[in-house]
C-alpha atoms as a PDB file:
ATOM      1  CA  MET A   1     123.942 129.535  24.063  1.00  0.00           C
ATOM      2  CA  ARG A   2     127.562 129.912  25.119  1.00  0.00           C
ATOM      3  CA  TYR A   3     129.920 132.383  23.505  1.00  0.00           C
ATOM      4  CA  GLU A   4     132.339 129.543  22.690  1.00  0.00           C
ATOM      5  CA  GLU A   5     129.744 128.013  20.344  1.00  0.00           C
ATOM      6  CA  LEU A   6     130.115 131.090  18.156  1.00  0.00           C
ATOM      7  CA  THR A   7     133.917 130.860  17.915  1.00  0.00           C
ATOM      8  CA  ILE A   8     134.916 129.151  14.655  1.00  0.00           C
ATOM      9  CA  GLU A   9     138.480 127.871  14.411  1.00  0.00           C
ATOM     10  CA  GLY A  10     140.558 126.283  11.682  1.00  0.00           C
ATOM     11  CA  ARG A  11     140.902 127.109   8.000  1.00  0.00           C
ATOM     12  CA  ASN A  12     138.253 124.807   6.528  1.00  0.00           C
ATOM     13  CA  ALA A  13     135.691 125.628   9.212  1.00  0.00           C
ATOM     14  CA  VAL A  14     136.156 129.387   8.832  1.00  0.00           C
ATOM     15  CA  LEU A  15     136.091 129.276   5.012  1.00  0.00           C
ATOM     16  CA  GLU A  16     132.925 127.154   5.101  1.00  0.00           C
ATOM     17  CA  ALA A  17     131.303 129.588   7.556  1.00  0.00           C
ATOM     18  CA  PHE A  18     131.895 132.486   5.151  1.00  0.00           C
ATOM     19  CA  ARG A  19     130.716 130.549   2.095  1.00  0.00           C
ATOM     20  CA  SER A  20     127.542 129.375   3.853  1.00  0.00           C
ATOM     21  CA  GLY A  21     126.575 132.999   4.454  1.00  0.00           C
ATOM     22  CA  LYS A  22     127.059 132.994   8.224  1.00  0.00           C
ATOM     23  CA  THR A  23     127.448 136.511   9.647  1.00  0.00           C
ATOM     24  CA  ILE A  24     131.031 136.904  10.889  1.00  0.00           C
ATOM     25  CA  ASP A  25     131.640 139.856  13.205  1.00  0.00           C
ATOM     26  CA  LYS A  26     135.419 139.626  13.448  1.00  0.00           C
ATOM     27  CA  LEU A  27     138.195 137.598  11.876  1.00  0.00           C
ATOM     28  CA  PHE A  28     141.584 137.074  13.551  1.00  0.00           C
ATOM     29  CA  VAL A  29     144.439 135.975  11.265  1.00  0.00           C
ATOM     30  CA  LEU A  30     148.048 135.127  12.088  1.00  0.00           C
ATOM     31  CA  LYS A  31     150.164 138.154  11.192  1.00  0.00           C
ATOM     32  CA  GLY A  32     152.471 137.507   8.219  1.00  0.00           C
ATOM     33  CA  CYS A  33     150.683 134.319   7.118  1.00  0.00           C
ATOM     34  CA  GLN A  34     150.010 134.580   3.376  1.00  0.00           C
ATOM     35  CA  ASP A  35     149.473 131.051   2.098  1.00  0.00           C
ATOM     36  CA  GLY A  36     146.644 130.059  -0.262  1.00  0.00           C
ATOM     37  CA  PRO A  37     143.938 128.977   2.223  1.00  0.00           C
ATOM     38  CA  ILE A  38     144.449 132.098   4.361  1.00  0.00           C
ATOM     39  CA  GLN A  39     144.256 134.325   1.277  1.00  0.00           C
ATOM     40  CA  SER A  40     140.971 132.620   0.285  1.00  0.00           C
ATOM     41  CA  ILE A  41     139.547 133.343   3.755  1.00  0.00           C
ATOM     42  CA  ILE A  42     140.658 136.983   3.611  1.00  0.00           C
ATOM     43  CA  ARG A  43     139.039 137.365   0.162  1.00  0.00           C
ATOM     44  CA  GLU A  44     135.733 136.015   1.529  1.00  0.00           C
ATOM     45  CA  ALA A  45     136.018 138.338   4.540  1.00  0.00           C
ATOM     46  CA  LYS A  46     136.494 141.358   2.280  1.00  0.00           C
ATOM     47  CA  LYS A  47     133.444 140.382   0.217  1.00  0.00           C
ATOM     48  CA  GLN A  48     131.382 140.503   3.409  1.00  0.00           C
ATOM     49  CA  ASP A  49     133.141 143.658   4.645  1.00  0.00           C
ATOM     50  CA  THR A  50     134.204 141.757   7.777  1.00  0.00           C
ATOM     51  CA  ILE A  51     136.837 143.411   9.953  1.00  0.00           C
ATOM     52  CA  VAL A  52     140.132 141.485   9.712  1.00  0.00           C
ATOM     53  CA  ASN A  53     142.554 141.683  12.648  1.00  0.00           C
ATOM     54  CA  TYR A  54     146.147 140.537  12.000  1.00  0.00           C
ATOM     55  CA  VAL A  55     147.537 139.318  15.313  1.00  0.00           C
ATOM     56  CA  ALA A  56     150.487 137.459  16.834  1.00  0.00           C
ATOM     57  CA  LYS A  57     150.334 133.701  17.483  1.00  0.00           C
ATOM     58  CA  GLU A  58     150.136 134.382  21.239  1.00  0.00           C
ATOM     59  CA  ARG A  59     146.883 136.309  20.738  1.00  0.00           C
ATOM     60  CA  LEU A  60     145.370 133.483  18.663  1.00  0.00           C
ATOM     61  CA  ASP A  61     146.422 130.937  21.290  1.00  0.00           C
ATOM     62  CA  GLN A  62     144.740 133.089  23.920  1.00  0.00           C
ATOM     63  CA  LEU A  63     141.485 133.273  21.926  1.00  0.00           C
ATOM     64  CA  SER A  64     141.513 129.603  20.939  1.00  0.00           C
ATOM     65  CA  GLU A  65     139.284 127.035  22.634  1.00  0.00           C
ATOM     66  CA  THR A  66     140.445 124.034  20.596  1.00  0.00           C
ATOM     67  CA  ARG A  67     144.195 124.785  20.370  1.00  0.00           C
ATOM     68  CA  LYS A  68     143.809 123.888  16.657  1.00  0.00           C
ATOM     69  CA  HIS A  69     143.188 127.319  15.157  1.00  0.00           C
ATOM     70  CA  GLN A  70     145.633 126.871  12.194  1.00  0.00           C
ATOM     71  CA  GLY A  71     146.286 130.622  12.212  1.00  0.00           C
ATOM     72  CA  VAL A  72     142.662 131.741  11.893  1.00  0.00           C
ATOM     73  CA  ILE A  73     139.713 132.320  14.260  1.00  0.00           C
ATOM     74  CA  ALA A  74     136.333 133.835  13.387  1.00  0.00           C
ATOM     75  CA  PHE A  75     133.695 135.208  15.754  1.00  0.00           C
ATOM     76  CA  ALA A  76     130.216 134.658  14.365  1.00  0.00           C
ATOM     77  CA  ALA A  77     127.170 136.700  15.367  1.00  0.00           C
ATOM     78  CA  ALA A  78     124.696 134.944  17.657  1.00  0.00           C
ATOM     79  CA  TYR A  79     121.847 136.711  15.848  1.00  0.00           C
ATOM     80  CA  GLU A  80     121.387 137.937  12.312  1.00  0.00           C
ATOM     81  CA  TYR A  81     121.662 141.669  11.741  1.00  0.00           C
ATOM     82  CA  ALA A  82     118.775 143.638  10.262  1.00  0.00           C
ATOM     83  CA  GLN A  83     118.965 146.336   7.597  1.00  0.00           C
ATOM     84  CA  VAL A  84     118.268 149.964   8.514  1.00  0.00           C
ATOM     85  CA  GLU A  85     115.279 149.837   6.146  1.00  0.00           C
ATOM     86  CA  ASP A  86     113.818 146.945   8.207  1.00  0.00           C
ATOM     87  CA  ILE A  87     113.738 149.239  11.247  1.00  0.00           C
ATOM     88  CA  LEU A  88     111.915 152.012   9.359  1.00  0.00           C
ATOM     89  CA  LYS A  89     109.469 149.446   7.958  1.00  0.00           C
ATOM     90  CA  ILE A  90     108.486 148.373  11.486  1.00  0.00           C
ATOM     91  CA  ALA A  91     107.677 152.002  12.358  1.00  0.00           C
ATOM     92  CA  ARG A  92     105.570 152.344   9.185  1.00  0.00           C
ATOM     93  CA  GLU A  93     103.686 149.122   9.899  1.00  0.00           C
ATOM     94  CA  LYS A  94     102.869 150.347  13.415  1.00  0.00           C
ATOM     95  CA  GLY A  95     101.824 153.755  12.091  1.00  0.00           C
ATOM     96  CA  GLU A  96     104.355 155.443  14.392  1.00  0.00           C
ATOM     97  CA  ASP A  97     107.059 158.067  13.926  1.00  0.00           C
ATOM     98  CA  PRO A  98     110.402 156.228  13.717  1.00  0.00           C
ATOM     99  CA  PHE A  99     112.334 156.025  16.979  1.00  0.00           C
ATOM    100  CA  VAL A 100     115.854 154.623  16.534  1.00  0.00           C
ATOM    101  CA  ILE A 101     118.728 154.321  19.010  1.00  0.00           C
ATOM    102  CA  LEU A 102     122.241 154.655  17.543  1.00  0.00           C
ATOM    103  CA  LEU A 103     125.296 153.594  19.518  1.00  0.00           C
ATOM    104  CA  ASP A 104     128.793 155.008  19.050  1.00  0.00           C
ATOM    105  CA  ASN A 105     131.828 153.505  20.842  1.00  0.00           C
ATOM    106  CA  ILE A 106     129.805 150.987  22.887  1.00  0.00           C
ATOM    107  CA  GLU A 107     132.277 148.100  23.242  1.00  0.00           C
ATOM    108  CA  ASP A 108     130.924 146.471  26.413  1.00  0.00           C
ATOM    109  CA  PRO A 109     128.547 143.608  25.456  1.00  0.00           C
ATOM    110  CA  HIS A 110     126.633 143.950  28.746  1.00  0.00           C
ATOM    111  CA  ASN A 111     125.933 147.615  27.993  1.00  0.00           C
ATOM    112  CA  LEU A 112     124.842 146.767  24.446  1.00  0.00           C
ATOM    113  CA  GLY A 113     122.488 144.054  25.701  1.00  0.00           C
ATOM    114  CA  ALA A 114     121.017 146.350  28.368  1.00  0.00           C
ATOM    115  CA  ILE A 115     120.417 149.105  25.786  1.00  0.00           C
ATOM    116  CA  ILE A 116     118.651 146.675  23.420  1.00  0.00           C
ATOM    117  CA  ARG A 117     116.444 145.684  26.353  1.00  0.00           C
ATOM    118  CA  THR A 118     115.646 149.352  27.096  1.00  0.00           C
ATOM    119  CA  ALA A 119     115.033 150.035  23.391  1.00  0.00           C
ATOM    120  CA  ASN A 120     112.441 147.269  23.304  1.00  0.00           C
ATOM    121  CA  LEU A 121     110.631 148.426  26.437  1.00  0.00           C
ATOM    122  CA  ALA A 122     110.657 152.102  25.383  1.00  0.00           C
ATOM    123  CA  GLY A 123     109.105 151.251  22.029  1.00  0.00           C
ATOM    124  CA  ALA A 124     112.144 152.039  19.875  1.00  0.00           C
ATOM    125  CA  HIS A 125     111.852 150.393  16.477  1.00  0.00           C
ATOM    126  CA  GLY A 126     115.478 149.304  16.352  1.00  0.00           C
ATOM    127  CA  VAL A 127     119.122 149.864  17.257  1.00  0.00           C
ATOM    128  CA  ILE A 128     121.978 150.808  14.909  1.00  0.00           C
ATOM    129  CA  ILE A 129     125.626 150.027  15.704  1.00  0.00           C
ATOM    130  CA  PRO A 130     128.866 150.667  13.775  1.00  0.00           C
ATOM    131  CA  LYS A 131     131.119 147.895  12.483  1.00  0.00           C
ATOM    132  CA  ARG A 132     134.257 149.236  14.121  1.00  0.00           C
ATOM    133  CA  ARG A 133     134.996 149.825  17.802  1.00  0.00           C
ATOM    134  CA  ALA A 134     131.717 148.256  18.834  1.00  0.00           C
ATOM    135  CA  ALA A 135     130.420 145.083  20.459  1.00  0.00           C
ATOM    136  CA  GLY A 136     128.662 142.722  18.023  1.00  0.00           C
ATOM    137  CA  LEU A 137     125.671 140.470  18.676  1.00  0.00           C
ATOM    138  CA  THR A 138     127.400 137.838  20.775  1.00  0.00           C
ATOM    139  CA  ALA A 139     125.671 135.409  23.115  1.00  0.00           C
ATOM    140  CA  THR A 140     126.686 137.673  26.031  1.00  0.00           C
ATOM    141  CA  VAL A 141     124.727 140.523  24.419  1.00  0.00           C
ATOM    142  CA  ALA A 142     121.742 138.250  23.830  1.00  0.00           C
ATOM    143  CA  LYS A 143     121.739 137.192  27.488  1.00  0.00           C
ATOM    144  CA  ALA A 144     122.069 140.785  28.762  1.00  0.00           C
ATOM    145  CA  SER A 145     119.145 141.830  26.552  1.00  0.00           C
ATOM    146  CA  ALA A 146     116.888 139.405  28.506  1.00  0.00           C
ATOM    147  CA  GLY A 147     115.221 138.171  25.316  1.00  0.00           C
ATOM    148  CA  ALA A 148     114.746 141.615  23.719  1.00  0.00           C
ATOM    149  CA  LEU A 149     117.127 140.694  20.886  1.00  0.00           C
ATOM    150  CA  ASN A 150     114.413 138.353  19.602  1.00  0.00           C
ATOM    151  CA  TYR A 151     112.088 141.318  19.059  1.00  0.00           C
ATOM    152  CA  THR A 152     114.212 144.442  18.507  1.00  0.00           C
ATOM    153  CA  PRO A 153     116.187 144.517  15.246  1.00  0.00           C
ATOM    154  CA  VAL A 154     119.832 145.602  15.313  1.00  0.00           C
ATOM    155  CA  ALA A 155     121.473 146.940  12.143  1.00  0.00           C
ATOM    156  CA  LYS A 156     125.226 147.199  11.671  1.00  0.00           C
ATOM    157  CA  VAL A 157     126.571 149.983   9.447  1.00  0.00           C
ATOM    158  CA  THR A 158     129.994 150.900   8.100  1.00  0.00           C
ATOM    159  CA  ASN A 159     129.666 154.643   8.745  1.00  0.00           C
ATOM    160  CA  LEU A 160     127.388 156.005  11.484  1.00  0.00           C
ATOM    161  CA  SER A 161     127.669 159.625  10.272  1.00  0.00           C
ATOM    162  CA  GLN A 162     126.653 158.646   6.741  1.00  0.00           C
ATOM    163  CA  THR A 163     123.710 156.641   8.092  1.00  0.00           C
ATOM    164  CA  ILE A 164     122.548 159.685  10.081  1.00  0.00           C
ATOM    165  CA  LYS A 165     122.690 161.828   6.921  1.00  0.00           C
ATOM    166  CA  GLU A 166     120.657 159.239   4.993  1.00  0.00           C
ATOM    167  CA  LEU A 167     118.050 159.006   7.758  1.00  0.00           C
ATOM    168  CA  LYS A 168     117.785 162.793   7.915  1.00  0.00           C
ATOM    169  CA  GLU A 169     116.718 162.674   4.258  1.00  0.00           C
ATOM    170  CA  GLN A 170     113.895 160.376   5.364  1.00  0.00           C
ATOM    171  CA  GLY A 171     112.646 162.889   7.915  1.00  0.00           C
ATOM    172  CA  LEU A 172     114.415 161.835  11.102  1.00  0.00           C
ATOM    173  CA  TRP A 173     116.262 164.305  13.275  1.00  0.00           C
ATOM    174  CA  PHE A 174     118.944 163.420  15.796  1.00  0.00           C
ATOM    175  CA  VAL A 175     119.748 164.133  19.410  1.00  0.00           C
ATOM    176  CA  CYS A 176     122.960 162.941  21.043  1.00  0.00           C
ATOM    177  CA  ALA A 177     123.779 162.606  24.714  1.00  0.00           C
ATOM    178  CA  ASP A 178     126.598 164.818  25.956  1.00  0.00           C
ATOM    179  CA  MET A 179     127.265 166.560  29.267  1.00  0.00           C
ATOM    180  CA  GLU A 180     127.881 169.859  27.455  1.00  0.00           C
ATOM    181  CA  GLY A 181     124.413 169.894  25.883  1.00  0.00           C
ATOM    182  CA  GLU A 182     121.094 171.552  26.677  1.00  0.00           C
ATOM    183  CA  THR A 183     119.148 169.983  29.569  1.00  0.00           C
ATOM    184  CA  MET A 184     116.961 167.290  28.014  1.00  0.00           C
ATOM    185  CA  TYR A 185     113.769 168.623  29.638  1.00  0.00           C
ATOM    186  CA  ARG A 186     114.106 171.843  27.636  1.00  0.00           C
ATOM    187  CA  LEU A 187     114.275 170.083  24.260  1.00  0.00           C
ATOM    188  CA  ASN A 188     111.403 169.059  22.008  1.00  0.00           C
ATOM    189  CA  LEU A 189     112.044 165.347  21.498  1.00  0.00           C
ATOM    190  CA  GLY A 190     108.865 164.561  19.561  1.00  0.00           C
ATOM    191  CA  GLY A 191     108.493 163.314  15.992  1.00  0.00           C
ATOM    192  CA  PRO A 192     110.741 160.947  14.009  1.00  0.00           C
ATOM    193  CA  ILE A 193     113.895 160.745  16.108  1.00  0.00           C
ATOM    194  CA  GLY A 194     117.276 159.104  16.410  1.00  0.00           C
ATOM    195  CA  LEU A 195     118.866 159.010  19.870  1.00  0.00           C
ATOM    196  CA  VAL A 196     122.675 158.753  19.764  1.00  0.00           C
ATOM    197  CA  ILE A 197     124.514 157.337  22.794  1.00  0.00           C
ATOM    198  CA  GLY A 198     128.286 157.035  23.262  1.00  0.00           C
ATOM    199  CA  SER A 199     130.403 155.229  25.850  1.00  0.00           C
ATOM    200  CA  GLU A 200     131.236 156.714  29.254  1.00  0.00           C
ATOM    201  CA  GLY A 201     134.915 157.032  28.357  1.00  0.00           C
ATOM    202  CA  ASP A 202     134.885 158.330  24.789  1.00  0.00           C
ATOM    203  CA  GLY A 203     131.352 159.652  24.443  1.00  0.00           C
ATOM    204  CA  VAL A 204     129.907 160.255  20.984  1.00  0.00           C
ATOM    205  CA  GLY A 205     132.578 160.752  18.293  1.00  0.00           C
ATOM    206  CA  LYS A 206     133.206 164.292  17.023  1.00  0.00           C
ATOM    207  CA  LEU A 207     131.951 163.716  13.469  1.00  0.00           C
ATOM    208  CA  VAL A 208     128.823 161.888  14.627  1.00  0.00           C
ATOM    209  CA  LYS A 209     128.086 164.651  17.138  1.00  0.00           C
ATOM    210  CA  GLU A 210     128.476 167.317  14.431  1.00  0.00           C
ATOM    211  CA  ASN A 211     125.789 165.550  12.382  1.00  0.00           C
ATOM    212  CA  CYS A 212     123.264 165.648  15.239  1.00  0.00           C
ATOM    213  CA  ASP A 213     120.618 168.385  15.376  1.00  0.00           C
ATOM    214  CA  PHE A 214     120.584 168.710  19.165  1.00  0.00           C
ATOM    215  CA  ILE A 215     122.842 167.807  22.065  1.00  0.00           C
ATOM    216  CA  ALA A 216     121.042 166.785  25.241  1.00  0.00           C
ATOM    217  CA  SER A 217     122.443 166.574  28.751  1.00  0.00           C
ATOM    218  CA  ILE A 218     120.977 164.700  31.702  1.00  0.00           C
ATOM    219  CA  PRO A 219     120.789 166.823  34.872  1.00  0.00           C
ATOM    220  CA  MET A 220     123.148 165.370  37.491  1.00  0.00           C
ATOM    221  CA  LYS A 221     123.217 166.322  41.153  1.00  0.00           C
ATOM    222  CA  GLY A 222     125.794 163.870  42.476  1.00  0.00           C
ATOM    223  CA  ASP A 223     129.546 163.880  42.966  1.00  0.00           C
ATOM    224  CA  ILE A 224     130.610 161.780  39.976  1.00  0.00           C
ATOM    225  CA  ASP A 225     130.536 163.088  36.451  1.00  0.00           C
ATOM    226  CA  SER A 226     128.766 160.522  34.248  1.00  0.00           C
ATOM    227  CA  LEU A 227     126.154 157.783  34.080  1.00  0.00           C
ATOM    228  CA  ASN A 228     126.719 154.289  32.756  1.00  0.00           C
ATOM    229  CA  ALA A 229     125.954 154.306  29.002  1.00  0.00           C
ATOM    230  CA  SER A 230     122.987 151.951  29.304  1.00  0.00           C
ATOM    231  CA  VAL A 231     121.487 154.015  32.150  1.00  0.00           C
ATOM    232  CA  ALA A 232     121.930 157.240  30.148  1.00  0.00           C
ATOM    233  CA  ALA A 233     120.212 155.555  27.188  1.00  0.00           C
ATOM    234  CA  GLY A 234     117.326 154.571  29.461  1.00  0.00           C
ATOM    235  CA  VAL A 235     116.905 158.052  30.949  1.00  0.00           C
ATOM    236  CA  LEU A 236     116.862 159.778  27.545  1.00  0.00           C
ATOM    237  CA  ALA A 237     114.728 157.093  25.884  1.00  0.00           C
ATOM    238  CA  TYR A 238     112.061 157.524  28.544  1.00  0.00           C
ATOM    239  CA  GLU A 239     112.083 161.313  28.186  1.00  0.00           C
ATOM    240  CA  ILE A 240     111.287 160.645  24.509  1.00  0.00           C
ATOM    241  CA  VAL A 241     108.505 158.237  25.641  1.00  0.00           C
ATOM    242  CA  ARG A 242     107.120 160.880  28.051  1.00  0.00           C
ATOM    243  CA  GLN A 243     106.991 163.514  25.339  1.00  0.00           C
ATOM    244  CA  ARG A 244     105.377 161.075  22.887  1.00  0.00           C
ATOM    245  CA  LEU A 245     102.669 160.249  25.425  1.00  0.00           C
ATOM    246  CA  GLN A 246     101.808 163.941  25.618  1.00  0.00           C
END
């Protein structure tokens, strides 16, 4: 599957995609364009809580494959998103404590795909990503996940902090990765757990971090100051696996 196959261009095609229930990750609309068909598309986008980006014609031309975008381009998800409840249900069906990986500020599709792959191999029951400032489930992500996207559900939520609060009510507790935290080997990472990973540049957002129960750091002996986000996710996920095996 090529990424281009998931780019929908033109007013009728985009409107039909929304009305058929296709999951649209992002919508790009010509800034200042307010005619009837465009307004209909924006209404459908708001019903689905799709992020709408108003951009200049040059940006649309740059994104366009067909050169016939008519002022509107939609990016559809390569895979359907799960609900958070679906992830918890998998844990219940397996008779295991929930293990969920939450991603904040991960915008690189290769990193997202690699983390989904790690989540699958480490036995995590699912991955949760935010709607904004995050890569969606594009074909690039699917390829980087090496097939794991077929088995590991990914849920997309409007507010990561709110989702953490709701999951806490269901018995999960949360640890986030941050260089200022306690060394991960000193923390008890057993039981129902959510592991929160941020990007190398921005890390985990302040509000999300404040909602976590623990902050874990990975011991580093080298000369540079941070690991790639997908590598950090792997290191912490497998410390959780090690403690679960005990």
